[in-house]
Amino acid sequence: MTAPVVPYKRWPGKCQPVLNTEVAQLYWSDIPIKEIRDAYGIAGHITNVTRQAGPAILCGMMCRVCKEDLKVFSRSDAEDRLRDSEKPLYRSRTWFDVCRECREGELADMHRGFDAERERRAARVRDLRSMPYRDYLNTPEWQDRRKRALRSAGFKCQTCSGGGQLHVHHRTYARRGDEWNKDLIVLCAACHQLFHDNGRLAENGRAA
């Protein structure tokens, strides 16, 4: 059976097959993959057609990192890159102009940056937990956490719903420097004093 030959429709003049085979030429046209598979007796999943077709070069596009011709390895890859090249909004998301090898390198660099930031944050938390408590209360980390707790509580005491002077009380110090919401409770001055005087919160309070 002879496979049909049709002109490019999906990527007119954009994809130049790397392999000089009929499967490659047809795959990088707009012919349905199922027809190519049936015509050439390619068994199994349709991705087997993609593997036999091999990559293609996106004409007129180069990798912005290595400056080599930009290769695509599937129709969906080509569609994504051609679409995103016309929509700057998506460029940072898809690396549309970076080849596979350079993209893997950029991703590795990105992950190393994430790991470095994670370690920096962990080191800072260790510092926050080891410093005197009074010093901790003056750190920008605690001031930010305190403001978020107040906003979350609607700037009201979480036991009596009173306003006025509000304190953010630690229910536990286990995660000092990286507190969870449940580690803190917002108290008015009276309820806070009651706790320190009697070791308990006001009656019907949320937590002891």
Protein backbone atom coordinates (compact mmCIF):
# COMPACT_ATOMS: atom_id res chain seq x y z
CA MET A 1 0.00 0.00 0.00
CA THR A 2 1.31 3.42 -0.90
CA ALA A 3 0.94 6.10 1.72
CA PRO A 4 -0.86 9.28 0.63
CA VAL A 5 1.18 12.41 0.16
CA VAL A 6 -0.30 15.76 1.12
CA PRO A 7 1.27 19.19 1.45
CA TYR A 8 2.09 20.66 4.84
CA LYS A 9 -0.95 22.14 6.54
CA ARG A 10 -0.26 22.28 10.23
CA TRP A 11 3.29 23.61 9.98
CA PRO A 12 3.70 24.93 6.40
CA GLY A 13 7.42 25.20 5.70
CA LYS A 14 8.25 25.09 9.42
CA CYS A 15 9.37 21.51 10.08
CA GLN A 16 12.30 19.96 8.23
CA PRO A 17 12.67 16.24 9.06
CA VAL A 18 16.14 15.19 10.17
CA LEU A 19 15.74 11.64 8.88
CA ASN A 20 15.40 11.18 5.13
CA THR A 21 12.68 8.54 5.24
CA GLU A 22 9.11 8.38 4.00
CA VAL A 23 7.79 7.92 7.53
CA ALA A 24 9.62 11.07 8.61
CA GLN A 25 8.38 13.08 5.65
CA LEU A 26 4.80 12.01 6.22
CA TYR A 27 4.87 12.34 9.99
CA TRP A 28 5.96 15.96 9.77
CA SER A 29 3.05 16.68 7.43
CA ASP A 30 -0.59 16.89 8.46
CA ILE A 31 -1.40 13.25 7.71
CA PRO A 32 -3.12 11.48 10.64
CA ILE A 33 -0.67 9.30 12.51
CA LYS A 34 -3.04 6.33 12.36
CA GLU A 35 -2.91 6.41 8.55
CA ILE A 36 0.89 6.42 8.60
CA ARG A 37 0.94 3.52 11.06
CA ASP A 38 -1.48 1.48 8.98
CA ALA A 39 0.31 2.27 5.70
CA TYR A 40 3.73 1.17 6.98
CA GLY A 41 2.60 -1.61 9.31
CA ILE A 42 3.95 0.07 12.43
CA ALA A 43 2.55 -1.95 15.32
CA GLY A 44 1.87 -0.86 18.87
CA HIS A 45 1.17 2.58 20.21
CA ILE A 46 1.12 5.58 17.91
CA THR A 47 4.24 6.88 19.68
CA ASN A 48 6.12 4.20 17.73
CA VAL A 49 5.44 6.28 14.63
CA THR A 50 6.95 9.31 16.36
CA ARG A 51 10.07 7.33 17.23
CA GLN A 52 10.51 6.09 13.66
CA ALA A 53 9.93 9.56 12.24
CA GLY A 54 12.68 11.06 14.34
CA PRO A 55 13.10 14.75 15.13
CA ALA A 56 12.63 17.74 12.88
CA ILE A 57 14.23 21.17 12.72
CA LEU A 58 12.01 24.19 13.22
CA CYS A 59 13.07 26.29 10.26
CA GLY A 60 14.21 29.77 11.15
CA MET A 61 14.38 29.06 14.89
CA MET A 62 17.54 28.58 16.95
CA CYS A 63 18.12 27.67 20.56
CA ARG A 64 18.75 30.93 22.40
CA VAL A 65 21.31 29.21 24.63
CA CYS A 66 23.53 27.11 22.33
CA LYS A 67 22.54 28.88 19.07
CA GLU A 68 22.03 25.55 17.29
CA ASP A 69 19.05 24.71 15.08
CA LEU A 70 16.01 24.14 17.25
CA LYS A 71 14.83 20.52 17.07
CA VAL A 72 11.41 19.19 17.96
CA PHE A 73 10.68 15.56 18.73
CA SER A 74 6.93 15.30 18.29
CA ARG A 75 4.05 17.09 16.64
CA SER A 76 2.80 18.38 19.98
CA ASP A 77 6.28 19.72 20.73
CA ALA A 78 6.27 21.59 17.42
CA GLU A 79 2.77 22.94 17.99
CA ASP A 80 3.61 24.19 21.48
CA ARG A 81 6.77 25.97 20.37
CA LEU A 82 5.22 27.54 17.26
CA ARG A 83 2.20 28.68 19.25
CA ASP A 84 4.25 30.11 22.10
CA SER A 85 6.65 31.88 19.74
CA GLU A 86 3.68 34.04 18.75
CA LYS A 87 2.41 34.55 22.32
CA PRO A 88 5.03 36.17 24.57
CA LEU A 89 2.76 35.59 27.56
CA TYR A 90 3.68 31.91 27.55
CA ARG A 91 7.38 32.13 26.75
CA SER A 92 8.78 31.88 30.27
CA ARG A 93 6.51 28.91 30.94
CA THR A 94 7.46 26.66 28.03
CA TRP A 95 11.03 27.61 27.08
CA PHE A 96 9.76 27.71 23.50
CA ASP A 97 13.16 28.78 22.10
CA VAL A 98 15.42 26.42 24.09
CA CYS A 99 16.50 22.99 22.83
CA ARG A 100 15.95 19.86 24.88
CA GLU A 101 19.54 19.63 26.12
CA CYS A 102 19.74 23.28 27.15
CA ARG A 103 16.30 23.15 28.73
CA GLU A 104 17.42 20.25 30.90
CA GLY A 105 20.46 22.29 31.87
CA GLU A 106 18.33 25.32 32.74
CA LEU A 107 15.98 23.16 34.78
CA ALA A 108 18.95 21.69 36.64
CA ASP A 109 20.22 25.20 37.38
CA MET A 110 16.75 26.19 38.55
CA HIS A 111 16.53 23.21 40.91
CA ARG A 112 19.96 23.99 42.29
CA GLY A 113 18.71 27.51 42.96
CA PHE A 114 15.65 26.10 44.73
CA ASP A 115 17.87 23.82 46.82
CA ALA A 116 20.16 26.72 47.75
CA GLU A 117 17.18 28.87 48.77
CA ARG A 118 15.73 26.00 50.79
CA GLU A 119 19.02 25.57 52.64
CA ARG A 120 19.29 29.33 53.22
CA ARG A 121 15.78 29.32 54.68
CA ALA A 122 16.55 26.30 56.87
CA ALA A 123 19.71 27.99 58.18
CA ARG A 124 17.72 31.12 58.98
CA VAL A 125 15.10 29.11 60.86
CA ARG A 126 17.85 27.49 62.90
CA ASP A 127 19.13 30.97 63.78
CA LEU A 128 15.64 32.13 64.74
CA ARG A 129 15.13 29.14 67.02
CA SER A 130 18.46 29.49 68.75
CA MET A 131 18.36 33.25 69.49
CA PRO A 132 16.84 34.62 72.70
CA TYR A 133 13.05 34.88 72.51
CA ARG A 134 13.04 38.64 73.04
CA ASP A 135 15.42 39.03 70.12
CA TYR A 136 13.22 36.78 68.01
CA LEU A 137 10.21 39.02 68.63
CA ASN A 138 12.11 41.90 67.02
CA THR A 139 12.99 40.03 63.82
CA PRO A 140 11.27 40.91 60.53
CA GLU A 141 10.18 37.26 60.22
CA TRP A 142 8.17 37.42 63.45
CA GLN A 143 6.75 40.85 62.68
CA ASP A 144 5.50 39.57 59.33
CA ARG A 145 4.11 36.38 60.91
CA ARG A 146 2.41 38.43 63.61
CA LYS A 147 0.71 40.70 61.08
CA ARG A 148 -0.56 37.71 59.13
CA ALA A 149 -1.98 36.15 62.30
CA LEU A 150 -3.79 39.39 63.15
CA ARG A 151 -5.26 39.65 59.65
CA SER A 152 -6.36 36.02 59.76
CA ALA A 153 -8.15 36.65 63.08
CA GLY A 154 -9.89 39.72 61.69
CA PHE A 155 -8.07 41.89 64.22
CA LYS A 156 -10.18 40.47 67.05
CA CYS A 157 -9.42 38.36 70.11
CA GLN A 158 -10.03 34.72 69.23
CA THR A 159 -11.54 33.96 72.65
CA CYS A 160 -13.79 36.92 73.43
CA SER A 161 -13.93 38.67 70.03
CA GLY A 162 -12.76 41.88 71.69
CA GLY A 163 -10.58 44.44 70.04
CA GLY A 164 -8.21 46.98 71.49
CA GLN A 165 -4.64 45.97 72.16
CA LEU A 166 -4.04 42.55 70.64
CA HIS A 167 -1.26 40.06 71.30
CA VAL A 168 -0.21 37.11 69.17
CA HIS A 169 0.35 34.27 71.62
CA HIS A 170 2.36 31.12 70.93
CA ARG A 171 0.40 27.99 71.74
CA THR A 172 3.56 26.00 71.01
CA TYR A 173 7.17 26.91 70.32
CA ALA A 174 7.90 23.67 68.47
CA ARG A 175 8.09 25.46 65.10
CA ARG A 176 9.40 28.84 66.23
CA GLY A 177 10.64 30.75 63.22
CA ASP A 178 8.38 28.80 60.89
CA GLU A 179 5.09 28.76 62.76
CA TRP A 180 1.94 27.13 61.45
CA ASN A 181 -1.41 28.87 61.81
CA LYS A 182 -2.46 26.51 64.60
CA ASP A 183 0.69 27.38 66.58
CA LEU A 184 -0.60 30.91 67.23
CA ILE A 185 -3.67 32.52 68.72
CA VAL A 186 -4.63 36.20 68.83
CA LEU A 187 -5.63 37.42 72.29
CA CYS A 188 -6.71 40.75 73.69
CA ALA A 189 -4.65 42.10 76.59
CA ALA A 190 -7.18 40.90 79.17
CA CYS A 191 -7.41 37.33 77.84
CA HIS A 192 -3.65 37.17 77.50
CA GLN A 193 -3.20 38.27 81.09
CA LEU A 194 -5.78 35.72 82.21
CA PHE A 195 -3.78 33.01 80.57
CA HIS A 196 -0.55 34.02 82.26
CA ASP A 197 -2.28 34.44 85.63
CA ASN A 198 -4.26 31.20 85.60
CA GLY A 199 -2.59 29.10 82.93
CA ARG A 200 -5.78 28.95 80.87
CA LEU A 201 -7.72 30.97 78.36
CA ALA A 202 -11.10 32.56 78.91
CA GLU A 203 -14.06 30.22 79.27
CA ASN A 204 -15.21 28.87 75.88
CA GLY A 205 -11.88 29.91 74.39
CA ARG A 206 -10.67 27.93 71.40
CA ALA A 207 -7.48 26.62 72.92
CA ALA A 208 -5.69 26.26 76.20
